C-alpha atoms as a PDB file:
ATOM      1  CA  UNK A   1       7.229   7.463  27.931  1.00  0.00           C
ATOM      2  CA  UNK A   2       4.384   7.946  25.478  1.00  0.00           C
ATOM      3  CA  UNK A   3       1.206   5.958  26.007  1.00  0.00           C
ATOM      4  CA  UNK A   4       1.541   4.143  22.644  1.00  0.00           C
ATOM      5  CA  UNK A   5       5.046   3.061  23.486  1.00  0.00           C
ATOM      6  CA  UNK A   6       3.836   1.640  26.813  1.00  0.00           C
ATOM      7  CA  UNK A   7       1.110  -0.326  25.011  1.00  0.00           C
ATOM      8  CA  UNK A   8       3.472  -1.681  22.402  1.00  0.00           C
ATOM      9  CA  UNK A   9       5.907  -2.972  25.055  1.00  0.00           C
ATOM     10  CA  UNK A  10       3.247  -4.685  27.183  1.00  0.00           C
ATOM     11  CA  UNK A  11       1.891  -7.756  25.392  1.00  0.00           C
ATOM     12  CA  UNK A  12      -1.047  -8.280  27.683  1.00  0.00           C
ATOM     13  CA  UNK A  13      -2.085  -4.607  27.560  1.00  0.00           C
ATOM     14  CA  UNK A  14      -1.636  -4.548  23.802  1.00  0.00           C
ATOM     15  CA  UNK A  15      -3.873  -7.598  23.431  1.00  0.00           C
ATOM     16  CA  UNK A  16      -6.568  -5.981  25.530  1.00  0.00           C
ATOM     17  CA  UNK A  17      -6.380  -2.683  23.644  1.00  0.00           C
ATOM     18  CA  UNK A  18      -6.487  -4.613  20.366  1.00  0.00           C
ATOM     19  CA  UNK A  19      -9.721  -6.272  21.522  1.00  0.00           C
ATOM     20  CA  UNK A  20     -11.214  -2.845  22.273  1.00  0.00           C
ATOM     21  CA  UNK A  21     -10.220  -1.589  18.810  1.00  0.00           C
ATOM     22  CA  UNK A  22     -11.128  -4.662  16.663  1.00  0.00           C
ATOM     23  CA  UNK A  23     -13.729  -7.428  17.126  1.00  0.00           C
ATOM     24  CA  UNK A  24     -12.119 -10.888  17.588  1.00  0.00           C
ATOM     25  CA  UNK A  25     -11.328 -12.539  14.322  1.00  0.00           C
ATOM     26  CA  UNK A  26     -11.986  -9.412  12.255  1.00  0.00           C
ATOM     27  CA  UNK A  27      -9.785  -6.866  10.418  1.00  0.00           C
ATOM     28  CA  UNK A  28     -12.088  -3.889  10.450  1.00  0.00           C
ATOM     29  CA  UNK A  29     -11.856  -1.570  13.512  1.00  0.00           C
ATOM     30  CA  UNK A  30     -14.924  -0.843  15.576  1.00  0.00           C
ATOM     31  CA  UNK A  31     -16.944   2.186  14.569  1.00  0.00           C
ATOM     32  CA  UNK A  32     -15.797   4.286  17.524  1.00  0.00           C
ATOM     33  CA  UNK A  33     -12.189   3.943  16.312  1.00  0.00           C
ATOM     34  CA  UNK A  34     -13.049   5.512  12.941  1.00  0.00           C
ATOM     35  CA  UNK A  35     -15.123   8.258  14.570  1.00  0.00           C
ATOM     36  CA  UNK A  36     -12.916   9.235  17.490  1.00  0.00           C
ATOM     37  CA  UNK A  37      -9.468   7.589  17.559  1.00  0.00           C
ATOM     38  CA  UNK A  38      -8.210   7.967  13.948  1.00  0.00           C
ATOM     39  CA  UNK A  39      -8.915  11.694  13.594  1.00  0.00           C
ATOM     40  CA  UNK A  40      -6.890  12.325  16.731  1.00  0.00           C
ATOM     41  CA  UNK A  41      -4.044   9.822  16.393  1.00  0.00           C
ATOM     42  CA  UNK A  42      -3.434  10.011  12.669  1.00  0.00           C
ATOM     43  CA  UNK A  43      -2.459  13.452  11.385  1.00  0.00           C
ATOM     44  CA  UNK A  44      -4.681  14.271   8.451  1.00  0.00           C
ATOM     45  CA  UNK A  45      -4.534  17.407   6.377  1.00  0.00           C
ATOM     46  CA  UNK A  46      -7.771  19.293   5.913  1.00  0.00           C
ATOM     47  CA  UNK A  47      -7.189  19.262   2.168  1.00  0.00           C
ATOM     48  CA  UNK A  48      -7.038  15.430   1.921  1.00  0.00           C
ATOM     49  CA  UNK A  49     -10.231  13.443   1.259  1.00  0.00           C
ATOM     50  CA  UNK A  50     -11.316   9.971   2.301  1.00  0.00           C
ATOM     51  CA  UNK A  51     -14.540   9.083   0.534  1.00  0.00           C
ATOM     52  CA  UNK A  52     -17.460   7.932   2.650  1.00  0.00           C
ATOM     53  CA  UNK A  53     -17.457   4.338   1.397  1.00  0.00           C
ATOM     54  CA  UNK A  54     -13.660   3.887   1.703  1.00  0.00           C
ATOM     55  CA  UNK A  55     -12.655   1.496   4.436  1.00  0.00           C
ATOM     56  CA  UNK A  56      -9.847   2.550   6.750  1.00  0.00           C
ATOM     57  CA  UNK A  57      -8.601  -0.445   8.695  1.00  0.00           C
ATOM     58  CA  UNK A  58      -6.034   1.712  10.502  1.00  0.00           C
ATOM     59  CA  UNK A  59      -4.885   1.382  14.067  1.00  0.00           C
ATOM     60  CA  UNK A  60      -2.943   3.729  16.359  1.00  0.00           C
ATOM     61  CA  UNK A  61      -0.119   1.180  16.831  1.00  0.00           C
ATOM     62  CA  UNK A  62       1.223   1.959  13.394  1.00  0.00           C
ATOM     63  CA  UNK A  63       1.635   4.950  11.098  1.00  0.00           C
ATOM     64  CA  UNK A  64      -1.011   6.089   8.637  1.00  0.00           C
ATOM     65  CA  UNK A  65      -0.278   9.332   6.746  1.00  0.00           C
ATOM     66  CA  UNK A  66      -2.263  10.906   3.912  1.00  0.00           C
ATOM     67  CA  UNK A  67      -0.646  13.860   2.232  1.00  0.00           C
ATOM     68  CA  UNK A  68      -1.919  17.264   1.171  1.00  0.00           C
ATOM     69  CA  UNK A  69      -4.700  17.160  -1.449  1.00  0.00           C
ATOM     70  CA  UNK A  70      -4.540  13.399  -1.629  1.00  0.00           C
ATOM     71  CA  UNK A  71      -7.723  11.277  -2.087  1.00  0.00           C
ATOM     72  CA  UNK A  72      -8.762   7.782  -1.114  1.00  0.00           C
ATOM     73  CA  UNK A  73     -11.653   7.012  -3.474  1.00  0.00           C
ATOM     74  CA  UNK A  74     -14.839   5.019  -2.825  1.00  0.00           C
ATOM     75  CA  UNK A  75     -14.707   1.349  -1.867  1.00  0.00           C
ATOM     76  CA  UNK A  76     -10.907   1.371  -1.335  1.00  0.00           C
ATOM     77  CA  UNK A  77      -9.350  -0.366   1.645  1.00  0.00           C
ATOM     78  CA  UNK A  78      -6.385   0.970   3.581  1.00  0.00           C
ATOM     79  CA  UNK A  79      -4.921  -1.420   6.194  1.00  0.00           C
ATOM     80  CA  UNK A  80      -1.978  -0.683   8.412  1.00  0.00           C
ATOM     81  CA  UNK A  81      -2.505  -3.650  10.701  1.00  0.00           C
ATOM     82  CA  UNK A  82       0.893  -5.227   9.983  1.00  0.00           C
ATOM     83  CA  UNK A  83       2.831  -2.284   8.519  1.00  0.00           C
ATOM     84  CA  UNK A  84       2.922   1.469   8.217  1.00  0.00           C
ATOM     85  CA  UNK A  85       1.234   3.246   5.360  1.00  0.00           C
ATOM     86  CA  UNK A  86       2.498   6.601   4.092  1.00  0.00           C
ATOM     87  CA  UNK A  87       0.791   8.258   1.148  1.00  0.00           C
ATOM     88  CA  UNK A  88       2.396  11.476  -0.159  1.00  0.00           C
ATOM     89  CA  UNK A  89       0.972  14.715  -1.388  1.00  0.00           C
ATOM     90  CA  UNK A  90      -1.331  15.046  -4.467  1.00  0.00           C
ATOM     91  CA  UNK A  91      -1.971  11.288  -4.676  1.00  0.00           C
ATOM     92  CA  UNK A  92      -5.090   9.421  -5.717  1.00  0.00           C
ATOM     93  CA  UNK A  93      -5.994   5.960  -4.487  1.00  0.00           C
ATOM     94  CA  UNK A  94      -8.438   4.785  -7.150  1.00  0.00           C
ATOM     95  CA  UNK A  95     -11.877   3.260  -6.698  1.00  0.00           C
ATOM     96  CA  UNK A  96     -11.839  -0.205  -5.179  1.00  0.00           C
ATOM     97  CA  UNK A  97      -8.059  -0.311  -4.610  1.00  0.00           C
ATOM     98  CA  UNK A  98      -6.484  -2.116  -1.686  1.00  0.00           C
ATOM     99  CA  UNK A  99      -3.333  -0.926   0.100  1.00  0.00           C
ATOM    100  CA  UNK A 100      -1.975  -3.226   2.889  1.00  0.00           C
ATOM    101  CA  UNK A 101       1.146  -2.065   4.675  1.00  0.00           C
ATOM    102  CA  UNK A 102       4.011  -1.718   4.877  1.00  0.00           C
ATOM    103  CA  UNK A 103       3.613   0.612   1.898  1.00  0.00           C
ATOM    104  CA  UNK A 104       5.243   3.985   1.147  1.00  0.00           C
ATOM    105  CA  UNK A 105       3.846   6.050  -1.736  1.00  0.00           C
ATOM    106  CA  UNK A 106       5.534   9.243  -2.931  1.00  0.00           C
ATOM    107  CA  UNK A 107       3.995  12.468  -4.218  1.00  0.00           C
ATOM    108  CA  UNK A 108       1.853  12.893  -7.354  1.00  0.00           C
ATOM    109  CA  UNK A 109       1.142   9.134  -7.649  1.00  0.00           C
ATOM    110  CA  UNK A 110      -1.941   7.804  -9.402  1.00  0.00           C
ATOM    111  CA  UNK A 111      -3.452   4.454  -8.518  1.00  0.00           C
ATOM    112  CA  UNK A 112      -6.203   3.605 -10.998  1.00  0.00           C
ATOM    113  CA  UNK A 113      -9.179   1.367 -10.175  1.00  0.00           C
ATOM    114  CA  UNK A 114      -8.851  -1.962  -8.362  1.00  0.00           C
ATOM    115  CA  UNK A 115      -5.098  -1.845  -7.773  1.00  0.00           C
ATOM    116  CA  UNK A 116      -3.827  -4.209  -5.098  1.00  0.00           C
ATOM    117  CA  UNK A 117      -0.646  -3.431  -3.132  1.00  0.00           C
ATOM    118  CA  UNK A 118       0.144  -5.755  -0.260  1.00  0.00           C
ATOM    119  CA  UNK A 119       3.319  -5.784   1.791  1.00  0.00           C
ATOM    120  CA  UNK A 120       2.032  -8.876   3.586  1.00  0.00           C
ATOM    121  CA  UNK A 121       2.445 -12.582   2.784  1.00  0.00           C
ATOM    122  CA  UNK A 122       0.880 -15.493   4.611  1.00  0.00           C
ATOM    123  CA  UNK A 123       2.970 -18.446   5.772  1.00  0.00           C
ATOM    124  CA  UNK A 124       1.950 -21.786   4.295  1.00  0.00           C
ATOM    125  CA  UNK A 125       4.842 -24.103   4.994  1.00  0.00           C
ATOM    126  CA  UNK A 126       3.296 -25.994   7.907  1.00  0.00           C
ATOM    127  CA  UNK A 127       0.800 -28.392   6.308  1.00  0.00           C
ATOM    128  CA  UNK A 128      -0.660 -29.296   9.695  1.00  0.00           C
ATOM    129  CA  UNK A 129      -1.808 -25.716  10.384  1.00  0.00           C
ATOM    130  CA  UNK A 130      -4.391 -23.775   8.365  1.00  0.00           C
ATOM    131  CA  UNK A 131      -2.677 -21.024   6.400  1.00  0.00           C
ATOM    132  CA  UNK A 132      -4.820 -18.345   8.069  1.00  0.00           C
ATOM    133  CA  UNK A 133      -3.361 -19.331  11.445  1.00  0.00           C
ATOM    134  CA  UNK A 134       0.267 -19.352  10.375  1.00  0.00           C
ATOM    135  CA  UNK A 135       2.591 -16.356  10.958  1.00  0.00           C
ATOM    136  CA  UNK A 136       2.689 -13.592   8.324  1.00  0.00           C
ATOM    137  CA  UNK A 137       5.766 -11.972   6.902  1.00  0.00           C
ATOM    138  CA  UNK A 138       6.102  -8.450   5.597  1.00  0.00           C
ATOM    139  CA  UNK A 139       8.319  -6.661   3.030  1.00  0.00           C
ATOM    140  CA  UNK A 140       7.794  -2.967   2.299  1.00  0.00           C
ATOM    141  CA  UNK A 141       6.430  -1.767  -1.051  1.00  0.00           C
ATOM    142  CA  UNK A 142       7.822   1.565  -2.215  1.00  0.00           C
ATOM    143  CA  UNK A 143       6.293   3.655  -5.000  1.00  0.00           C
ATOM    144  CA  UNK A 144       8.367   6.701  -5.799  1.00  0.00           C
ATOM    145  CA  UNK A 145       7.064  10.096  -7.005  1.00  0.00           C
ATOM    146  CA  UNK A 146       5.011  10.634 -10.167  1.00  0.00           C
ATOM    147  CA  UNK A 147       4.167   7.006 -10.905  1.00  0.00           C
ATOM    148  CA  UNK A 148       0.959   5.762 -12.539  1.00  0.00           C
ATOM    149  CA  UNK A 149      -0.271   2.315 -11.592  1.00  0.00           C
ATOM    150  CA  UNK A 150      -2.866   1.056 -14.106  1.00  0.00           C
ATOM    151  CA  UNK A 151      -6.207  -0.531 -13.279  1.00  0.00           C
ATOM    152  CA  UNK A 152      -6.341  -4.126 -11.944  1.00  0.00           C
ATOM    153  CA  UNK A 153      -2.571  -4.250 -11.323  1.00  0.00           C
ATOM    154  CA  UNK A 154      -1.008  -6.161  -8.456  1.00  0.00           C
ATOM    155  CA  UNK A 155       2.175  -5.027  -6.729  1.00  0.00           C
ATOM    156  CA  UNK A 156       3.662  -7.746  -4.585  1.00  0.00           C
ATOM    157  CA  UNK A 157       5.509  -7.461  -1.307  1.00  0.00           C
ATOM    158  CA  UNK A 158       9.048  -6.065  -1.402  1.00  0.00           C
ATOM    159  CA  UNK A 159       8.719  -4.322  -4.760  1.00  0.00           C
ATOM    160  CA  UNK A 160      10.027  -0.806  -5.482  1.00  0.00           C
ATOM    161  CA  UNK A 161       8.574   1.205  -8.410  1.00  0.00           C
ATOM    162  CA  UNK A 162      11.021   3.877  -9.546  1.00  0.00           C
ATOM    163  CA  UNK A 163      10.212   7.519 -10.170  1.00  0.00           C
ATOM    164  CA  UNK A 164       7.877   8.442 -13.051  1.00  0.00           C
ATOM    165  CA  UNK A 165       7.317   4.828 -14.066  1.00  0.00           C
ATOM    166  CA  UNK A 166       4.103   3.338 -15.422  1.00  0.00           C
ATOM    167  CA  UNK A 167       2.612  -0.040 -14.643  1.00  0.00           C
ATOM    168  CA  UNK A 168       0.195  -1.029 -17.416  1.00  0.00           C
ATOM    169  CA  UNK A 169      -3.290  -2.165 -16.504  1.00  0.00           C
ATOM    170  CA  UNK A 170      -3.603  -5.793 -15.430  1.00  0.00           C
ATOM    171  CA  UNK A 171       0.111  -6.251 -14.679  1.00  0.00           C
ATOM    172  CA  UNK A 172       1.525  -8.309 -11.855  1.00  0.00           C
ATOM    173  CA  UNK A 173       4.744  -6.722 -10.601  1.00  0.00           C
ATOM    174  CA  UNK A 174       7.032  -9.087  -8.747  1.00  0.00           C
ATOM    175  CA  UNK A 175      10.414  -7.334  -9.226  1.00  0.00           C
ATOM    176  CA  UNK A 176      11.658  -3.783  -8.751  1.00  0.00           C
ATOM    177  CA  UNK A 177      10.919  -1.367 -11.618  1.00  0.00           C
ATOM    178  CA  UNK A 178      13.662   1.096 -12.524  1.00  0.00           C
ATOM    179  CA  UNK A 179      12.796   4.807 -12.794  1.00  0.00           C
ATOM    180  CA  UNK A 180      11.297   6.136 -16.045  1.00  0.00           C
ATOM    181  CA  UNK A 181      10.119   2.768 -17.340  1.00  0.00           C
ATOM    182  CA  UNK A 182       6.846   1.290 -18.545  1.00  0.00           C
ATOM    183  CA  UNK A 183       6.144  -2.296 -17.566  1.00  0.00           C
ATOM    184  CA  UNK A 184       3.340  -4.659 -18.593  1.00  0.00           C
ATOM    185  CA  UNK A 185       2.315  -8.246 -18.310  1.00  0.00           C
ATOM    186  CA  UNK A 186       2.279 -11.156 -15.831  1.00  0.00           C
ATOM    187  CA  UNK A 187       4.973 -11.156 -14.641  1.00  0.00           C
ATOM    188  CA  UNK A 188       5.554  -7.546 -15.617  1.00  0.00           C
ATOM    189  CA  UNK A 189       8.379  -6.798 -18.071  1.00  0.00           C
ATOM    190  CA  UNK A 190       9.863  -3.529 -19.384  1.00  0.00           C
ATOM    191  CA  UNK A 191       8.316  -2.495 -22.711  1.00  0.00           C
ATOM    192  CA  UNK A 192       9.471   1.151 -22.813  1.00  0.00           C
ATOM    193  CA  UNK A 193      11.934   3.360 -21.066  1.00  0.00           C
ATOM    194  CA  UNK A 194      12.889   7.031 -21.325  1.00  0.00           C
ATOM    195  CA  UNK A 195      16.096   7.743 -23.192  1.00  0.00           C
ATOM    196  CA  UNK A 196      17.524  10.991 -21.819  1.00  0.00           C
ATOM    197  CA  UNK A 197      20.022  11.252 -24.689  1.00  0.00           C
ATOM    198  CA  UNK A 198      17.177  11.333 -27.188  1.00  0.00           C
ATOM    199  CA  UNK A 199      14.696  13.014 -24.915  1.00  0.00           C
ATOM    200  CA  UNK A 200      11.939  10.516 -25.760  1.00  0.00           C
ATOM    201  CA  UNK A 201      10.315   7.268 -24.679  1.00  0.00           C
ATOM    202  CA  UNK A 202      11.847   4.361 -26.544  1.00  0.00           C
ATOM    203  CA  UNK A 203      10.319   0.934 -27.162  1.00  0.00           C
ATOM    204  CA  UNK A 204      12.392  -1.939 -25.899  1.00  0.00           C
ATOM    205  CA  UNK A 205      13.082  -3.999 -29.015  1.00  0.00           C
ATOM    206  CA  UNK A 206      13.004  -7.346 -27.204  1.00  0.00           C
ATOM    207  CA  UNK A 207      10.748  -7.518 -24.166  1.00  0.00           C
ATOM    208  CA  UNK A 208      13.128  -7.183 -21.248  1.00  0.00           C
ATOM    209  CA  UNK A 209      12.785  -8.890 -17.915  1.00  0.00           C
ATOM    210  CA  UNK A 210      12.905  -6.634 -14.918  1.00  0.00           C
ATOM    211  CA  UNK A 211      16.308  -7.094 -13.288  1.00  0.00           C
ATOM    212  CA  UNK A 212      16.234  -9.445 -10.288  1.00  0.00           C
END
């Protein structure tokens, strides 16, 4: 049995290892994790780049993958604490963006500046317990190949962005986006889609809600 599997199955051991990796009450791993653990545990291609000021809150208990010639730009945060993160080939995670797993990003995807993707939600139902102490839930975010996510956009847990779609800057996406669509607004709605019969992008005459 692999060491990581042994740790995952032993609650006490996992808690102790977690303490060695992350200071109590914090999300950012200790420096030695970034220097020694991540380069060994997480398979990184030599052609991918993580800028010096980017923050990798990644742990060996879960997957973190960064594809060929992909870049995590300055001041971005990548966190796989509650879910795997897979970033495909030829992607760019823009300056100041935040990606919290579970998130799967395809190839040739552009995240502009200050995009937030979080597959995590905090429980709030128990009014006698602070929200930060309540259990979290996760739903995976999926961004298919060739998408462009505009600056200051928010992609919420459980959303899937279809192939070659565009999310306009400042949008809040709460529903799945079909392939070859442009969405905008809060909540985001379809404003254009590609018409293969006409071979062109066509404006949607009445702003369409994204299908539930």
